[in-house]
PDB file of all heavy atoms in Angstrom:
ATOM      1  N   GLY A   1      59.825  72.363 132.328  1.00  0.00           N
ATOM      2  CA  GLY A   1      60.672  71.631 133.245  1.00  0.00           C
ATOM      3  C   GLY A   1      61.061  72.378 134.485  1.00  0.00           C
ATOM      4  O   GLY A   1      60.312  73.215 135.015  1.00  0.00           O
ATOM      5  N   GLU A   2      62.251  72.085 134.935  1.00  0.00           N
ATOM      6  CA  GLU A   2      62.774  72.529 136.219  1.00  0.00           C
ATOM      7  C   GLU A   2      62.912  74.049 136.287  1.00  0.00           C
ATOM      8  O   GLU A   2      63.301  74.703 135.315  1.00  0.00           O
ATOM      9  CB  GLU A   2      64.139  71.858 136.415  1.00  0.00           C
ATOM     10  CG  GLU A   2      64.782  72.083 137.757  1.00  0.00           C
ATOM     11  CD  GLU A   2      66.143  71.414 137.826  1.00  0.00           C
ATOM     12  OE1 GLU A   2      66.701  71.044 136.777  1.00  0.00           O
ATOM     13  OE2 GLU A   2      66.646  71.273 138.961  1.00  0.00           O
ATOM     14  N   GLN A   3      62.581  74.599 137.462  1.00  0.00           N
ATOM     15  CA  GLN A   3      62.772  76.023 137.763  1.00  0.00           C
ATOM     16  C   GLN A   3      62.181  76.923 136.688  1.00  0.00           C
ATOM     17  O   GLN A   3      62.816  77.860 136.209  1.00  0.00           O
ATOM     18  CB  GLN A   3      64.243  76.330 137.988  1.00  0.00           C
ATOM     19  CG  GLN A   3      64.793  75.650 139.233  1.00  0.00           C
ATOM     20  CD  GLN A   3      66.148  76.171 139.646  1.00  0.00           C
ATOM     21  OE1 GLN A   3      66.549  77.254 139.267  1.00  0.00           O
ATOM     22  NE2 GLN A   3      66.863  75.400 140.446  1.00  0.00           N
ATOM     23  N   GLY A   4      60.931  76.646 136.311  1.00  0.00           N
ATOM     24  CA  GLY A   4      60.212  77.506 135.380  1.00  0.00           C
ATOM     25  C   GLY A   4      60.617  77.368 133.938  1.00  0.00           C
ATOM     26  O   GLY A   4      60.222  78.209 133.103  1.00  0.00           O
ATOM     27  N   LEU A   5      61.377  76.341 133.588  1.00  0.00           N
ATOM     28  CA  LEU A   5      61.793  76.170 132.201  1.00  0.00           C
ATOM     29  C   LEU A   5      60.574  76.025 131.293  1.00  0.00           C
ATOM     30  O   LEU A   5      59.702  75.182 131.512  1.00  0.00           O
ATOM     31  CB  LEU A   5      62.667  74.926 132.056  1.00  0.00           C
ATOM     32  CG  LEU A   5      63.125  74.625 130.619  1.00  0.00           C
ATOM     33  CD1 LEU A   5      64.180  75.632 130.172  1.00  0.00           C
ATOM     34  CD2 LEU A   5      63.660  73.196 130.515  1.00  0.00           C
ATOM     35  N   PHE A   6      60.515  76.855 130.250  1.00  0.00           N
ATOM     36  CA  PHE A   6      59.456  76.739 129.242  1.00  0.00           C
ATOM     37  C   PHE A   6      60.065  77.091 127.891  1.00  0.00           C
ATOM     38  O   PHE A   6      60.567  78.197 127.693  1.00  0.00           O
ATOM     39  CB  PHE A   6      58.285  77.666 129.546  1.00  0.00           C
ATOM     40  CG  PHE A   6      57.094  77.430 128.652  1.00  0.00           C
ATOM     41  CD1 PHE A   6      56.156  76.475 128.974  1.00  0.00           C
ATOM     42  CD2 PHE A   6      56.936  78.161 127.477  1.00  0.00           C
ATOM     43  CE1 PHE A   6      55.072  76.232 128.144  1.00  0.00           C
ATOM     44  CE2 PHE A   6      55.856  77.931 126.645  1.00  0.00           C
ATOM     45  CZ  PHE A   6      54.918  76.960 126.973  1.00  0.00           C
ATOM     46  N   ILE A   7      60.047  76.120 126.987  1.00  0.00           N
ATOM     47  CA  ILE A   7      60.656  76.276 125.670  1.00  0.00           C
ATOM     48  C   ILE A   7      59.575  76.056 124.618  1.00  0.00           C
ATOM     49  O   ILE A   7      58.752  75.143 124.733  1.00  0.00           O
ATOM     50  CB  ILE A   7      61.810  75.288 125.480  1.00  0.00           C
ATOM     51  CG1 ILE A   7      62.932  75.594 126.483  1.00  0.00           C
ATOM     52  CG2 ILE A   7      62.345  75.339 124.059  1.00  0.00           C
ATOM     53  CD1 ILE A   7      64.042  74.568 126.481  1.00  0.00           C
ATOM     54  N   ARG A   8      59.593  76.902 123.581  1.00  0.00           N
ATOM     55  CA  ARG A   8      58.530  76.879 122.578  1.00  0.00           C
ATOM     56  C   ARG A   8      59.119  76.836 121.168  1.00  0.00           C
ATOM     57  O   ARG A   8      60.135  77.469 120.877  1.00  0.00           O
ATOM     58  CB  ARG A   8      57.683  78.143 122.731  1.00  0.00           C
ATOM     59  CG  ARG A   8      56.605  78.336 121.693  1.00  0.00           C
ATOM     60  CD  ARG A   8      56.048  79.741 121.750  1.00  0.00           C
ATOM     61  NE  ARG A   8      57.041  80.739 121.340  1.00  0.00           N
ATOM     62  CZ  ARG A   8      56.826  82.049 121.331  1.00  0.00           C
ATOM     63  NH1 ARG A   8      55.679  82.528 121.766  1.00  0.00           N
ATOM     64  NH2 ARG A   8      57.766  82.877 120.917  1.00  0.00           N
ATOM     65  N   SER A   9      58.466  76.075 120.301  1.00  0.00           N
ATOM     66  CA  SER A   9      58.737  76.118 118.868  1.00  0.00           C
ATOM     67  C   SER A   9      57.414  76.308 118.150  1.00  0.00           C
ATOM     68  O   SER A   9      56.432  75.611 118.444  1.00  0.00           O
ATOM     69  CB  SER A   9      59.406  74.827 118.387  1.00  0.00           C
ATOM     70  OG  SER A   9      59.493  74.808 116.971  1.00  0.00           O
ATOM     71  N   LEU A  10      57.375  77.231 117.207  1.00  0.00           N
ATOM     72  CA  LEU A  10      56.156  77.481 116.431  1.00  0.00           C
ATOM     73  C   LEU A  10      56.276  76.957 115.007  1.00  0.00           C
ATOM     74  O   LEU A  10      55.383  77.203 114.184  1.00  0.00           O
ATOM     75  CB  LEU A  10      55.847  78.988 116.419  1.00  0.00           C
ATOM     76  CG  LEU A  10      55.604  79.613 117.796  1.00  0.00           C
ATOM     77  CD1 LEU A  10      55.295  81.101 117.663  1.00  0.00           C
ATOM     78  CD2 LEU A  10      54.469  78.905 118.529  1.00  0.00           C
ATOM     79  N   ASP A  11      57.351  76.218 114.726  1.00  0.00           N
ATOM     80  CA  ASP A  11      57.542  75.652 113.390  1.00  0.00           C
ATOM     81  C   ASP A  11      57.820  74.153 113.446  1.00  0.00           C
ATOM     82  O   ASP A  11      58.590  73.617 112.655  1.00  0.00           O
ATOM     83  CB  ASP A  11      58.654  76.387 112.643  1.00  0.00           C
ATOM     84  CG  ASP A  11      59.984  76.384 113.394  1.00  0.00           C
ATOM     85  OD1 ASP A  11      60.107  75.642 114.394  1.00  0.00           O
ATOM     86  OD2 ASP A  11      60.892  77.130 112.993  1.00  0.00           O
ATOM     87  N   GLY A  12      57.190  73.483 114.417  1.00  0.00           N
ATOM     88  CA  GLY A  12      57.296  72.036 114.501  1.00  0.00           C
ATOM     89  C   GLY A  12      58.614  71.494 114.978  1.00  0.00           C
ATOM     90  O   GLY A  12      58.913  70.312 114.772  1.00  0.00           O
ATOM     91  N   GLY A  13      59.426  72.340 115.614  1.00  0.00           N
ATOM     92  CA  GLY A  13      60.682  71.865 116.177  1.00  0.00           C
ATOM     93  C   GLY A  13      61.920  72.245 115.406  1.00  0.00           C
ATOM     94  O   GLY A  13      63.015  71.759 115.715  1.00  0.00           O
ATOM     95  N   LYS A  14      61.788  73.155 114.428  1.00  0.00           N
ATOM     96  CA  LYS A  14      62.963  73.609 113.694  1.00  0.00           C
ATOM     97  C   LYS A  14      63.744  74.666 114.466  1.00  0.00           C
ATOM     98  O   LYS A  14      64.969  74.693 114.444  1.00  0.00           O
ATOM     99  CB  LYS A  14      62.549  74.163 112.328  1.00  0.00           C
ATOM    100  CG  LYS A  14      61.907  73.126 111.414  1.00  0.00           C
ATOM    101  CD  LYS A  14      61.450  73.766 110.111  1.00  0.00           C
ATOM    102  CE  LYS A  14      60.747  72.752 109.220  1.00  0.00           C
ATOM    103  NZ  LYS A  14      60.242  73.378 107.968  1.00  0.00           N
ATOM    104  N   HIS A  15      63.025  75.543 115.140  1.00  0.00           N
ATOM    105  CA  HIS A  15      63.643  76.606 115.941  1.00  0.00           C
ATOM    106  C   HIS A  15      62.933  76.681 117.288  1.00  0.00           C
ATOM    107  O   HIS A  15      61.726  76.442 117.381  1.00  0.00           O
ATOM    108  CB  HIS A  15      63.548  77.963 115.230  1.00  0.00           C
ATOM    109  CG  HIS A  15      64.125  77.961 113.856  1.00  0.00           C
ATOM    110  ND1 HIS A  15      63.362  77.670 112.737  1.00  0.00           N
ATOM    111  CD2 HIS A  15      65.390  78.185 113.413  1.00  0.00           C
ATOM    112  CE1 HIS A  15      64.129  77.732 111.659  1.00  0.00           C
ATOM    113  NE2 HIS A  15      65.361  78.037 112.045  1.00  0.00           N
ATOM    114  N   PHE A  16      63.692  77.027 118.337  1.00  0.00           N
ATOM    115  CA  PHE A  16      63.149  77.054 119.691  1.00  0.00           C
ATOM    116  C   PHE A  16      63.460  78.385 120.370  1.00  0.00           C
ATOM    117  O   PHE A  16      64.524  78.973 120.158  1.00  0.00           O
ATOM    118  CB  PHE A  16      63.737  75.916 120.531  1.00  0.00           C
ATOM    119  CG  PHE A  16      63.289  74.553 120.106  1.00  0.00           C
ATOM    120  CD1 PHE A  16      64.007  73.830 119.158  1.00  0.00           C
ATOM    121  CD2 PHE A  16      62.153  73.982 120.644  1.00  0.00           C
ATOM    122  CE1 PHE A  16      63.612  72.575 118.762  1.00  0.00           C
ATOM    123  CE2 PHE A  16      61.736  72.721 120.254  1.00  0.00           C
ATOM    124  CZ  PHE A  16      62.465  72.008 119.308  1.00  0.00           C
ATOM    125  N   ASP A  17      62.518  78.837 121.207  1.00  0.00           N
ATOM    126  CA  ASP A  17      62.685  80.028 122.029  1.00  0.00           C
ATOM    127  C   ASP A  17      62.438  79.673 123.483  1.00  0.00           C
ATOM    128  O   ASP A  17      61.572  78.843 123.798  1.00  0.00           O
ATOM    129  CB  ASP A  17      61.700  81.136 121.629  1.00  0.00           C
ATOM    130  CG  ASP A  17      61.862  81.563 120.184  1.00  0.00           C
ATOM    131  OD1 ASP A  17      63.003  81.854 119.805  1.00  0.00           O
ATOM    132  OD2 ASP A  17      60.853  81.595 119.458  1.00  0.00           O
ATOM    133  N   LYS A  18      63.186  80.305 124.383  1.00  0.00           N
ATOM    134  CA  LYS A  18      62.938  80.163 125.809  1.00  0.00           C
ATOM    135  C   LYS A  18      62.017  81.287 126.260  1.00  0.00           C
ATOM    136  O   LYS A  18      62.268  82.457 125.978  1.00  0.00           O
ATOM    137  CB  LYS A  18      64.255  80.207 126.587  1.00  0.00           C
ATOM    138  CG  LYS A  18      64.119  79.875 128.054  1.00  0.00           C
ATOM    139  CD  LYS A  18      65.493  79.804 128.716  1.00  0.00           C
ATOM    140  CE  LYS A  18      65.387  79.409 130.179  1.00  0.00           C
ATOM    141  NZ  LYS A  18      66.733  79.310 130.799  1.00  0.00           N
ATOM    142  N   ILE A  19      60.938  80.928 126.961  1.00  0.00           N
ATOM    143  CA  ILE A  19      59.908  81.883 127.358  1.00  0.00           C
ATOM    144  C   ILE A  19      59.889  82.020 128.870  1.00  0.00           C
ATOM    145  O   ILE A  19      59.942  81.024 129.601  1.00  0.00           O
ATOM    146  CB  ILE A  19      58.519  81.425 126.871  1.00  0.00           C
ATOM    147  CG1 ILE A  19      58.526  81.210 125.349  1.00  0.00           C
ATOM    148  CG2 ILE A  19      57.449  82.434 127.277  1.00  0.00           C
ATOM    149  CD1 ILE A  19      58.793  82.438 124.548  1.00  0.00           C
ATOM    150  N   ASP A  20      59.788  83.259 129.352  1.00  0.00           N
ATOM    151  CA  ASP A  20      59.616  83.527 130.778  1.00  0.00           C
ATOM    152  C   ASP A  20      58.128  83.484 131.091  1.00  0.00           C
ATOM    153  O   ASP A  20      57.367  84.356 130.662  1.00  0.00           O
ATOM    154  CB  ASP A  20      60.201  84.892 131.125  1.00  0.00           C
ATOM    155  CG  ASP A  20      60.115  85.202 132.621  1.00  0.00           C
ATOM    156  OD1 ASP A  20      59.585  84.364 133.377  1.00  0.00           O
ATOM    157  OD2 ASP A  20      60.581  86.288 133.018  1.00  0.00           O
ATOM    158  N   VAL A  21      57.702  82.469 131.838  1.00  0.00           N
ATOM    159  CA  VAL A  21      56.280  82.324 132.154  1.00  0.00           C
ATOM    160  C   VAL A  21      55.880  83.121 133.389  1.00  0.00           C
ATOM    161  O   VAL A  21      54.710  83.126 133.768  1.00  0.00           O
ATOM    162  CB  VAL A  21      55.902  80.837 132.344  1.00  0.00           C
ATOM    163  CG1 VAL A  21      56.183  80.046 131.083  1.00  0.00           C
ATOM    164  CG2 VAL A  21      56.624  80.227 133.551  1.00  0.00           C
ATOM    165  N   GLY A  22      56.844  83.748 134.050  1.00  0.00           N
ATOM    166  CA  GLY A  22      56.541  84.544 135.223  1.00  0.00           C
ATOM    167  C   GLY A  22      56.464  83.749 136.510  1.00  0.00           C
ATOM    168  O   GLY A  22      55.993  84.261 137.529  1.00  0.00           O
ATOM    169  N   TYR A  23      56.930  82.506 136.477  1.00  0.00           N
ATOM    170  CA  TYR A  23      56.922  81.669 137.683  1.00  0.00           C
ATOM    171  C   TYR A  23      58.237  80.901 137.740  1.00  0.00           C
ATOM    172  O   TYR A  23      58.605  80.215 136.771  1.00  0.00           O
ATOM    173  CB  TYR A  23      55.748  80.691 137.655  1.00  0.00           C
ATOM    174  CG  TYR A  23      55.731  79.729 138.821  1.00  0.00           C
ATOM    175  CD1 TYR A  23      55.480  80.176 140.122  1.00  0.00           C
ATOM    176  CD2 TYR A  23      55.970  78.374 138.633  1.00  0.00           C
ATOM    177  CE1 TYR A  23      55.483  79.292 141.197  1.00  0.00           C
ATOM    178  CE2 TYR A  23      55.964  77.485 139.704  1.00  0.00           C
ATOM    179  CZ  TYR A  23      55.722  77.953 140.977  1.00  0.00           C
ATOM    180  OH  TYR A  23      55.724  77.081 142.040  1.00  0.00           O
ATOM    181  N   PRO A  24      58.991  80.980 138.854  1.00  0.00           N
ATOM    182  CA  PRO A  24      60.309  80.358 138.930  1.00  0.00           C
ATOM    183  C   PRO A  24      60.314  78.910 139.403  1.00  0.00           C
ATOM    184  O   PRO A  24      61.371  78.281 139.455  1.00  0.00           O
ATOM    185  CB  PRO A  24      61.049  81.246 139.931  1.00  0.00           C
ATOM    186  CG  PRO A  24      59.964  81.687 140.878  1.00  0.00           C
ATOM    187  CD  PRO A  24      58.739  81.857 140.031  1.00  0.00           C
ATOM    188  N   GLY A  25      59.155  78.370 139.769  1.00  0.00           N
ATOM    189  CA  GLY A  25      59.109  76.997 140.252  1.00  0.00           C
ATOM    190  C   GLY A  25      59.036  75.992 139.121  1.00  0.00           C
ATOM    191  O   GLY A  25      58.751  76.323 137.963  1.00  0.00           O
ATOM    192  N   SER A  26      59.282  74.742 139.426  1.00  0.00           N
ATOM    193  CA  SER A  26      59.292  73.695 138.409  1.00  0.00           C
ATOM    194  C   SER A  26      57.904  73.425 137.865  1.00  0.00           C
ATOM    195  O   SER A  26      56.902  73.515 138.583  1.00  0.00           O
ATOM    196  CB  SER A  26      59.888  72.411 138.985  1.00  0.00           C
ATOM    197  OG  SER A  26      61.268  72.584 139.245  1.00  0.00           O
ATOM    198  N   LEU A  27      57.864  73.068 136.573  1.00  0.00           N
ATOM    199  CA  LEU A  27      56.627  72.813 135.843  1.00  0.00           C
ATOM    200  C   LEU A  27      56.634  71.365 135.375  1.00  0.00           C
ATOM    201  O   LEU A  27      57.594  70.912 134.765  1.00  0.00           O
ATOM    202  CB  LEU A  27      56.516  73.766 134.652  1.00  0.00           C
ATOM    203  CG  LEU A  27      56.624  75.257 135.001  1.00  0.00           C
ATOM    204  CD1 LEU A  27      56.750  76.095 133.733  1.00  0.00           C
ATOM    205  CD2 LEU A  27      55.432  75.713 135.835  1.00  0.00           C
ATOM    206  N   PHE A  28      55.536  70.641 135.645  1.00  0.00           N
ATOM    207  CA  PHE A  28      55.543  69.199 135.477  1.00  0.00           C
ATOM    208  C   PHE A  28      54.612  68.659 134.394  1.00  0.00           C
ATOM    209  O   PHE A  28      54.758  67.509 133.987  1.00  0.00           O
ATOM    210  CB  PHE A  28      55.169  68.509 136.794  1.00  0.00           C
ATOM    211  CG  PHE A  28      56.027  68.908 137.962  1.00  0.00           C
ATOM    212  CD1 PHE A  28      55.460  69.194 139.192  1.00  0.00           C
ATOM    213  CD2 PHE A  28      57.400  69.007 137.834  1.00  0.00           C
ATOM    214  CE1 PHE A  28      56.243  69.557 140.272  1.00  0.00           C
ATOM    215  CE2 PHE A  28      58.194  69.373 138.903  1.00  0.00           C
ATOM    216  CZ  PHE A  28      57.615  69.646 140.134  1.00  0.00           C
ATOM    217  N   THR A  29      53.618  69.437 133.964  1.00  0.00           N
ATOM    218  CA  THR A  29      52.642  68.876 133.030  1.00  0.00           C
ATOM    219  C   THR A  29      52.143  69.945 132.081  1.00  0.00           C
ATOM    220  O   THR A  29      52.117  71.134 132.424  1.00  0.00           O
ATOM    221  CB  THR A  29      51.469  68.236 133.800  1.00  0.00           C
ATOM    222  OG1 THR A  29      50.625  67.536 132.887  1.00  0.00           O
ATOM    223  CG2 THR A  29      50.655  69.266 134.563  1.00  0.00           C
ATOM    224  N   LEU A  30      51.757  69.525 130.868  1.00  0.00           N
ATOM    225  CA  LEU A  30      51.334  70.436 129.817  1.00  0.00           C
ATOM    226  C   LEU A  30      50.075  69.910 129.130  1.00  0.00           C
ATOM    227  O   LEU A  30      49.903  68.700 128.964  1.00  0.00           O
ATOM    228  CB  LEU A  30      52.425  70.565 128.750  1.00  0.00           C
ATOM    229  CG  LEU A  30      53.677  71.378 129.072  1.00  0.00           C
ATOM    230  CD1 LEU A  30      54.767  71.070 128.057  1.00  0.00           C
ATOM    231  CD2 LEU A  30      53.352  72.860 129.078  1.00  0.00           C
ATOM    232  N   LEU A  31      49.222  70.841 128.710  1.00  0.00           N
ATOM    233  CA  LEU A  31      48.098  70.551 127.822  1.00  0.00           C
ATOM    234  C   LEU A  31      48.094  71.580 126.707  1.00  0.00           C
ATOM    235  O   LEU A  31      48.357  72.763 126.949  1.00  0.00           O
ATOM    236  CB  LEU A  31      46.763  70.630 128.568  1.00  0.00           C
ATOM    237  CG  LEU A  31      46.367  69.497 129.493  1.00  0.00           C
ATOM    238  CD1 LEU A  31      45.026  69.816 130.156  1.00  0.00           C
ATOM    239  CD2 LEU A  31      46.275  68.176 128.750  1.00  0.00           C
ATOM    240  N   THR A  32      47.759  71.143 125.479  1.00  0.00           N
ATOM    241  CA  THR A  32      47.617  72.086 124.361  1.00  0.00           C
ATOM    242  C   THR A  32      46.274  71.824 123.686  1.00  0.00           C
ATOM    243  O   THR A  32      46.202  71.092 122.695  1.00  0.00           O
ATOM    244  CB  THR A  32      48.745  71.927 123.338  1.00  0.00           C
ATOM    245  OG1 THR A  32      48.909  70.539 123.026  1.00  0.00           O
ATOM    246  CG2 THR A  32      50.045  72.476 123.862  1.00  0.00           C
ATOM    247  N   PRO A  33      45.196  72.422 124.204  1.00  0.00           N
ATOM    248  CA  PRO A  33      43.874  72.210 123.600  1.00  0.00           C
ATOM    249  C   PRO A  33      43.802  72.676 122.150  1.00  0.00           C
ATOM    250  O   PRO A  33      43.023  72.145 121.362  1.00  0.00           O
ATOM    251  CB  PRO A  33      42.948  73.046 124.492  1.00  0.00           C
ATOM    252  CG  PRO A  33      43.701  73.190 125.788  1.00  0.00           C
ATOM    253  CD  PRO A  33      45.137  73.254 125.411  1.00  0.00           C
ATOM    254  N   SER A  34      44.607  73.680 121.794  1.00  0.00           N
ATOM    255  CA  SER A  34      44.682  74.178 120.428  1.00  0.00           C
ATOM    256  C   SER A  34      46.118  74.631 120.188  1.00  0.00           C
ATOM    257  O   SER A  34      46.886  74.781 121.149  1.00  0.00           O
ATOM    258  CB  SER A  34      43.717  75.343 120.218  1.00  0.00           C
ATOM    259  OG  SER A  34      44.163  76.490 120.911  1.00  0.00           O
ATOM    260  N   PRO A  35      46.518  74.871 118.923  1.00  0.00           N
ATOM    261  CA  PRO A  35      47.898  75.316 118.686  1.00  0.00           C
ATOM    262  C   PRO A  35      48.260  76.591 119.430  1.00  0.00           C
ATOM    263  O   PRO A  35      49.429  76.787 119.791  1.00  0.00           O
ATOM    264  CB  PRO A  35      47.937  75.529 117.166  1.00  0.00           C
ATOM    265  CG  PRO A  35      46.921  74.574 116.636  1.00  0.00           C
ATOM    266  CD  PRO A  35      45.821  74.582 117.658  1.00  0.00           C
ATOM    267  N   ALA A  36      47.274  77.471 119.680  1.00  0.00           N
ATOM    268  CA  ALA A  36      47.557  78.747 120.340  1.00  0.00           C
ATOM    269  C   ALA A  36      47.428  78.680 121.852  1.00  0.00           C
ATOM    270  O   ALA A  36      47.972  79.526 122.559  1.00  0.00           O
ATOM    271  CB  ALA A  36      46.634  79.841 119.806  1.00  0.00           C
ATOM    272  N   GLU A  37      46.719  77.682 122.370  1.00  0.00           N
ATOM    273  CA  GLU A  37      46.437  77.622 123.807  1.00  0.00           C
ATOM    274  C   GLU A  37      47.299  76.562 124.478  1.00  0.00           C
ATOM    275  O   GLU A  37      47.427  75.442 123.990  1.00  0.00           O
ATOM    276  CB  GLU A  37      44.963  77.309 124.043  1.00  0.00           C
ATOM    277  CG  GLU A  37      44.562  77.340 125.512  1.00  0.00           C
ATOM    278  CD  GLU A  37      43.089  77.043 125.728  1.00  0.00           C
ATOM    279  OE1 GLU A  37      42.412  76.706 124.746  1.00  0.00           O
ATOM    280  OE2 GLU A  37      42.627  77.143 126.875  1.00  0.00           O
ATOM    281  N   VAL A  38      47.878  76.915 125.621  1.00  0.00           N
ATOM    282  CA  VAL A  38      48.671  75.967 126.380  1.00  0.00           C
ATOM    283  C   VAL A  38      48.408  76.180 127.862  1.00  0.00           C
ATOM    284  O   VAL A  38      48.297  77.314 128.339  1.00  0.00           O
ATOM    285  CB  VAL A  38      50.180  76.113 126.065  1.00  0.00           C
ATOM    286  CG1 VAL A  38      50.673  77.517 126.337  1.00  0.00           C
ATOM    287  CG2 VAL A  38      51.006  75.104 126.855  1.00  0.00           C
ATOM    288  N   LEU A  39      48.245  75.070 128.577  1.00  0.00           N
ATOM    289  CA  LEU A  39      48.070  75.063 130.030  1.00  0.00           C
ATOM    290  C   LEU A  39      49.244  74.307 130.632  1.00  0.00           C
ATOM    291  O   LEU A  39      49.616  73.229 130.149  1.00  0.00           O
ATOM    292  CB  LEU A  39      46.758  74.383 130.420  1.00  0.00           C
ATOM    293  CG  LEU A  39      45.483  75.102 130.008  1.00  0.00           C
ATOM    294  CD1 LEU A  39      44.320  74.127 129.933  1.00  0.00           C
ATOM    295  CD2 LEU A  39      45.158  76.218 130.988  1.00  0.00           C
ATOM    296  N   VAL A  40      49.830  74.857 131.695  1.00  0.00           N
ATOM    297  CA  VAL A  40      50.982  74.232 132.314  1.00  0.00           C
ATOM    298  C   VAL A  40      50.786  74.198 133.818  1.00  0.00           C
ATOM    299  O   VAL A  40      50.325  75.168 134.419  1.00  0.00           O
ATOM    300  CB  VAL A  40      52.293  74.967 131.932  1.00  0.00           C
ATOM    301  CG1 VAL A  40      52.226  76.434 132.298  1.00  0.00           C
ATOM    302  CG2 VAL A  40      53.502  74.304 132.550  1.00  0.00           C
ATOM    303  N   GLY A  41      51.076  73.050 134.440  1.00  0.00           N
ATOM    304  CA  GLY A  41      50.918  72.893 135.878  1.00  0.00           C
ATOM    305  C   GLY A  41      52.226  72.537 136.540  1.00  0.00           C
ATOM    306  O   GLY A  41      53.102  71.910 135.926  1.00  0.00           O
TER     307      GLY A  41
END
């Protein structure tokens, strides 16, 4: 989301972590080709 927001859960939504993706601008779209791979635009 907004201003580089990136939140991750590795247990299906039971627990969440905030991740610094190294970019402070807003993020609008996501792809997950595999459980380990994620693309964000």
